[in-house]
């Protein structure tokens, strides 16, 4: 079953954050991910306006998304956005309606 990374972020240090975003596409591809939305125009319909960048990435499965996130390559890349360069919420969710 497909799964999705859903991320929202606030960039604080553009230079360091770009070091992260430059590395991510190749890492995502290595783990069979497909970028559906990355940056771009958005409209907050409900909730906080604290974040100003949104990303949605599709993976073939929850496990593929977990493997990507926990990989050495991704963890190394994400170190550029941590330590004050950005605030990020990253969620991995399986597709489908689990309430049925």
N, C-alpha and C. Protein backbone atom coordinates (compact mmCIF):
# COMPACT_ATOMS: atom_id res chain seq x y z
N UNK A 1 0.84 -1.18 0.00
CA UNK A 1 0.00 0.00 0.00
C UNK A 1 0.89 1.25 0.00
N UNK A 2 0.56 2.21 -0.83
CA UNK A 2 1.36 3.43 -0.91
C UNK A 2 1.33 4.19 0.40
N UNK A 3 2.37 4.99 0.59
CA UNK A 3 2.48 5.83 1.78
C UNK A 3 3.04 7.17 1.35
N UNK A 4 2.82 8.17 2.18
CA UNK A 4 3.21 9.54 1.84
C UNK A 4 3.97 10.21 2.96
N UNK A 5 5.07 10.86 2.58
CA UNK A 5 5.72 11.80 3.47
C UNK A 5 4.95 13.10 3.30
N UNK A 6 4.53 13.69 4.38
CA UNK A 6 3.89 14.99 4.36
C UNK A 6 4.72 15.88 5.28
N UNK A 7 5.30 16.91 4.70
CA UNK A 7 6.19 17.78 5.48
C UNK A 7 5.75 19.22 5.37
N UNK A 8 5.92 19.91 6.46
CA UNK A 8 5.73 21.36 6.46
C UNK A 8 6.93 21.95 7.16
N UNK A 9 7.42 23.04 6.63
CA UNK A 9 8.64 23.59 7.19
C UNK A 9 8.64 25.11 7.18
N UNK A 10 9.47 25.63 8.03
CA UNK A 10 9.75 27.05 8.10
C UNK A 10 11.27 27.17 7.98
N UNK A 11 11.71 27.84 6.93
CA UNK A 11 13.14 27.99 6.69
C UNK A 11 13.65 29.19 7.47
N UNK A 12 14.69 28.97 8.27
CA UNK A 12 15.28 30.03 9.07
C UNK A 12 16.61 30.47 8.47
N UNK A 13 17.43 29.52 8.06
CA UNK A 13 18.72 29.81 7.43
C UNK A 13 18.69 29.25 6.02
N UNK A 14 18.45 30.11 5.03
CA UNK A 14 18.26 29.68 3.64
C UNK A 14 19.49 28.97 3.07
N UNK A 15 20.68 29.40 3.42
CA UNK A 15 21.90 28.81 2.88
C UNK A 15 22.05 27.36 3.34
N UNK A 16 21.92 27.12 4.64
CA UNK A 16 22.04 25.75 5.15
C UNK A 16 20.87 24.88 4.71
N UNK A 17 19.68 25.46 4.67
CA UNK A 17 18.50 24.69 4.27
C UNK A 17 18.62 24.24 2.81
N UNK A 18 19.19 25.08 1.95
CA UNK A 18 19.38 24.73 0.54
C UNK A 18 20.36 23.57 0.40
N UNK A 19 21.34 23.48 1.28
CA UNK A 19 22.26 22.33 1.24
C UNK A 19 21.48 21.03 1.42
N UNK A 20 20.47 21.08 2.26
CA UNK A 20 19.58 19.93 2.47
C UNK A 20 18.72 19.67 1.24
N UNK A 21 18.03 20.70 0.76
CA UNK A 21 17.09 20.50 -0.35
C UNK A 21 17.79 20.11 -1.65
N UNK A 22 19.05 20.47 -1.82
CA UNK A 22 19.79 20.06 -3.01
C UNK A 22 20.08 18.56 -3.01
N UNK A 23 20.20 17.95 -1.85
CA UNK A 23 20.55 16.53 -1.75
C UNK A 23 19.34 15.60 -1.77
N UNK A 24 18.21 16.09 -1.34
CA UNK A 24 17.04 15.23 -1.11
C UNK A 24 16.48 14.52 -2.35
N UNK A 25 16.33 15.16 -3.50
CA UNK A 25 15.71 14.45 -4.63
C UNK A 25 16.39 13.13 -5.01
N UNK A 26 17.69 13.09 -5.04
CA UNK A 26 18.40 11.85 -5.38
C UNK A 26 18.19 10.77 -4.31
N UNK A 27 18.12 11.19 -3.06
CA UNK A 27 17.89 10.23 -1.98
C UNK A 27 16.48 9.66 -2.08
N UNK A 28 15.51 10.51 -2.31
CA UNK A 28 14.12 10.08 -2.45
C UNK A 28 14.01 9.06 -3.59
N UNK A 29 14.62 9.37 -4.71
CA UNK A 29 14.56 8.48 -5.88
C UNK A 29 15.19 7.13 -5.57
N UNK A 30 16.28 7.12 -4.83
CA UNK A 30 16.96 5.87 -4.48
C UNK A 30 16.04 4.93 -3.71
N UNK A 31 15.12 5.49 -2.94
CA UNK A 31 14.19 4.68 -2.15
C UNK A 31 12.80 4.60 -2.79
N UNK A 32 12.77 4.77 -4.11
CA UNK A 32 11.55 4.61 -4.90
C UNK A 32 10.48 5.65 -4.60
N UNK A 33 10.88 6.79 -4.07
CA UNK A 33 9.94 7.86 -3.79
C UNK A 33 9.68 8.71 -5.01
N UNK A 34 8.53 9.34 -5.03
CA UNK A 34 8.13 10.22 -6.13
C UNK A 34 7.66 11.54 -5.51
N UNK A 35 8.29 12.63 -5.90
CA UNK A 35 7.92 13.94 -5.38
C UNK A 35 6.63 14.39 -6.06
N UNK A 36 5.59 14.60 -5.28
CA UNK A 36 4.30 15.06 -5.80
C UNK A 36 4.15 16.57 -5.65
N UNK A 37 4.66 17.11 -4.58
CA UNK A 37 4.63 18.56 -4.35
C UNK A 37 5.85 18.92 -3.52
N UNK A 38 6.51 20.00 -3.91
CA UNK A 38 7.72 20.43 -3.19
C UNK A 38 7.83 21.93 -3.35
N UNK A 39 7.52 22.65 -2.28
CA UNK A 39 7.51 24.10 -2.39
C UNK A 39 6.27 24.53 -3.17
N UNK A 40 6.33 25.59 -3.87
CA UNK A 40 5.22 26.03 -4.71
C UNK A 40 4.17 26.81 -3.94
N UNK A 41 3.17 27.24 -4.67
CA UNK A 41 2.08 28.01 -4.09
C UNK A 41 1.23 27.15 -3.17
N UNK A 42 0.69 27.76 -2.14
CA UNK A 42 -0.17 27.05 -1.20
C UNK A 42 -1.12 28.04 -0.55
N UNK A 43 -2.14 27.51 0.09
CA UNK A 43 -3.08 28.32 0.85
C UNK A 43 -3.44 27.55 2.11
N UNK A 44 -3.16 28.11 3.27
CA UNK A 44 -3.54 27.49 4.54
C UNK A 44 -5.03 27.73 4.71
N UNK A 45 -5.79 26.65 4.74
CA UNK A 45 -7.24 26.77 4.89
C UNK A 45 -7.67 26.73 6.35
N UNK A 46 -6.93 25.98 7.16
CA UNK A 46 -7.17 25.94 8.60
C UNK A 46 -5.84 25.70 9.29
N UNK A 47 -5.71 26.18 10.49
CA UNK A 47 -4.50 25.93 11.26
C UNK A 47 -3.52 27.08 11.21
N UNK A 48 -2.35 26.81 11.74
CA UNK A 48 -1.32 27.82 11.90
C UNK A 48 -0.70 28.23 10.56
N UNK A 49 -0.25 29.45 10.50
CA UNK A 49 0.48 29.90 9.32
C UNK A 49 1.98 29.99 9.61
N UNK A 50 2.42 29.23 10.60
CA UNK A 50 3.83 29.22 11.00
C UNK A 50 4.73 28.67 9.90
N UNK A 51 4.23 27.73 9.11
CA UNK A 51 5.04 27.07 8.09
C UNK A 51 4.78 27.70 6.73
N UNK A 52 5.80 27.70 5.87
CA UNK A 52 5.64 28.33 4.57
C UNK A 52 6.19 27.49 3.41
N UNK A 53 6.50 26.24 3.68
CA UNK A 53 6.96 25.32 2.63
C UNK A 53 6.32 23.97 2.92
N UNK A 54 5.76 23.37 1.88
CA UNK A 54 5.06 22.10 2.05
C UNK A 54 5.56 21.10 1.01
N UNK A 55 5.66 19.84 1.43
CA UNK A 55 6.19 18.79 0.56
C UNK A 55 5.35 17.53 0.73
N UNK A 56 5.05 16.88 -0.39
CA UNK A 56 4.36 15.58 -0.37
C UNK A 56 5.16 14.64 -1.27
N UNK A 57 5.56 13.51 -0.70
CA UNK A 57 6.33 12.51 -1.45
C UNK A 57 5.64 11.16 -1.31
N UNK A 58 5.45 10.50 -2.43
CA UNK A 58 4.79 9.20 -2.46
C UNK A 58 5.84 8.08 -2.47
N UNK A 59 5.64 7.09 -1.63
CA UNK A 59 6.48 5.89 -1.61
C UNK A 59 5.61 4.67 -1.88
N UNK A 60 6.20 3.61 -2.43
CA UNK A 60 5.42 2.40 -2.69
C UNK A 60 4.81 1.78 -1.42
N UNK A 61 5.47 2.01 -0.28
CA UNK A 61 4.98 1.43 0.97
C UNK A 61 5.48 2.26 2.16
N UNK A 62 4.87 2.01 3.31
CA UNK A 62 5.30 2.64 4.55
C UNK A 62 6.75 2.28 4.85
N UNK A 63 7.11 1.03 4.60
CA UNK A 63 8.48 0.57 4.86
C UNK A 63 9.49 1.31 3.98
N UNK A 64 9.15 1.56 2.70
CA UNK A 64 10.06 2.31 1.83
C UNK A 64 10.29 3.71 2.38
N UNK A 65 9.23 4.36 2.83
CA UNK A 65 9.36 5.69 3.42
C UNK A 65 10.21 5.68 4.68
N UNK A 66 10.02 4.67 5.52
CA UNK A 66 10.83 4.54 6.75
C UNK A 66 12.29 4.31 6.43
N UNK A 67 12.55 3.43 5.43
CA UNK A 67 13.94 3.15 5.04
C UNK A 67 14.62 4.41 4.52
N UNK A 68 13.91 5.19 3.74
CA UNK A 68 14.48 6.42 3.22
C UNK A 68 14.83 7.37 4.36
N UNK A 69 13.87 7.61 5.24
CA UNK A 69 14.09 8.54 6.35
C UNK A 69 15.25 8.09 7.24
N UNK A 70 15.34 6.80 7.52
CA UNK A 70 16.37 6.31 8.44
C UNK A 70 17.72 6.04 7.76
N UNK A 71 17.79 6.22 6.45
CA UNK A 71 19.05 5.95 5.74
C UNK A 71 20.15 6.92 6.18
N UNK A 72 21.37 6.46 6.07
CA UNK A 72 22.52 7.32 6.40
C UNK A 72 22.53 8.56 5.51
N UNK A 73 22.18 8.38 4.23
CA UNK A 73 22.20 9.51 3.30
C UNK A 73 21.20 10.59 3.71
N UNK A 74 19.97 10.17 4.05
CA UNK A 74 18.97 11.15 4.42
C UNK A 74 19.32 11.81 5.75
N UNK A 75 19.75 11.04 6.72
CA UNK A 75 20.10 11.61 8.01
C UNK A 75 21.23 12.62 7.89
N UNK A 76 22.21 12.31 7.04
CA UNK A 76 23.31 13.25 6.81
C UNK A 76 22.78 14.52 6.15
N UNK A 77 21.95 14.37 5.13
CA UNK A 77 21.38 15.54 4.44
C UNK A 77 20.54 16.38 5.39
N UNK A 78 19.72 15.72 6.21
CA UNK A 78 18.82 16.46 7.10
C UNK A 78 19.57 17.22 8.19
N UNK A 79 20.83 16.87 8.43
CA UNK A 79 21.61 17.60 9.42
C UNK A 79 21.80 19.06 9.01
N UNK A 80 21.73 19.35 7.70
CA UNK A 80 21.87 20.73 7.23
C UNK A 80 20.67 21.60 7.60
N UNK A 81 19.49 20.99 7.76
CA UNK A 81 18.31 21.78 8.10
C UNK A 81 18.06 21.81 9.61
N UNK A 82 18.76 20.97 10.32
CA UNK A 82 18.60 20.92 11.78
C UNK A 82 19.52 21.96 12.44
N UNK A 83 19.53 22.00 13.72
CA UNK A 83 20.37 22.93 14.48
C UNK A 83 20.09 24.39 14.13
N UNK A 84 18.80 24.72 14.00
CA UNK A 84 18.43 26.10 13.80
C UNK A 84 18.22 26.57 12.38
N UNK A 85 18.46 25.72 11.38
CA UNK A 85 18.28 26.15 9.98
C UNK A 85 16.83 26.09 9.53
N UNK A 86 16.03 25.31 10.23
CA UNK A 86 14.62 25.21 9.86
C UNK A 86 13.82 24.46 10.89
N UNK A 87 12.53 24.70 10.88
CA UNK A 87 11.58 23.94 11.70
C UNK A 87 10.81 23.03 10.75
N UNK A 88 10.71 21.77 11.08
CA UNK A 88 10.06 20.82 10.17
C UNK A 88 9.18 19.85 10.95
N UNK A 89 7.98 19.64 10.43
CA UNK A 89 7.13 18.53 10.86
C UNK A 89 7.13 17.56 9.68
N UNK A 90 7.50 16.32 9.93
CA UNK A 90 7.52 15.31 8.87
C UNK A 90 6.71 14.11 9.33
N UNK A 91 5.69 13.78 8.56
CA UNK A 91 4.78 12.70 8.90
C UNK A 91 4.81 11.68 7.78
N UNK A 92 4.76 10.42 8.11
CA UNK A 92 4.64 9.35 7.13
C UNK A 92 3.30 8.67 7.36
N UNK A 93 2.46 8.67 6.34
CA UNK A 93 1.11 8.14 6.50
C UNK A 93 0.80 7.18 5.35
N UNK A 94 0.17 6.07 5.70
CA UNK A 94 -0.24 5.08 4.70
C UNK A 94 -1.50 5.56 4.00
N UNK A 95 -1.61 5.26 2.73
CA UNK A 95 -2.78 5.69 1.97
C UNK A 95 -4.02 4.88 2.37
N UNK A 96 -5.16 5.40 1.99
CA UNK A 96 -6.41 4.71 2.26
C UNK A 96 -7.16 5.31 3.44
N UNK A 97 -8.37 4.81 3.63
CA UNK A 97 -9.23 5.27 4.72
C UNK A 97 -9.27 4.18 5.79
N UNK A 98 -8.51 4.38 6.84
CA UNK A 98 -8.40 3.41 7.92
C UNK A 98 -9.61 3.43 8.85
N UNK A 99 -10.54 4.34 8.63
CA UNK A 99 -11.71 4.42 9.52
C UNK A 99 -12.83 3.50 9.08
N UNK A 100 -12.67 2.86 7.93
CA UNK A 100 -13.73 1.97 7.42
C UNK A 100 -13.46 0.56 7.85
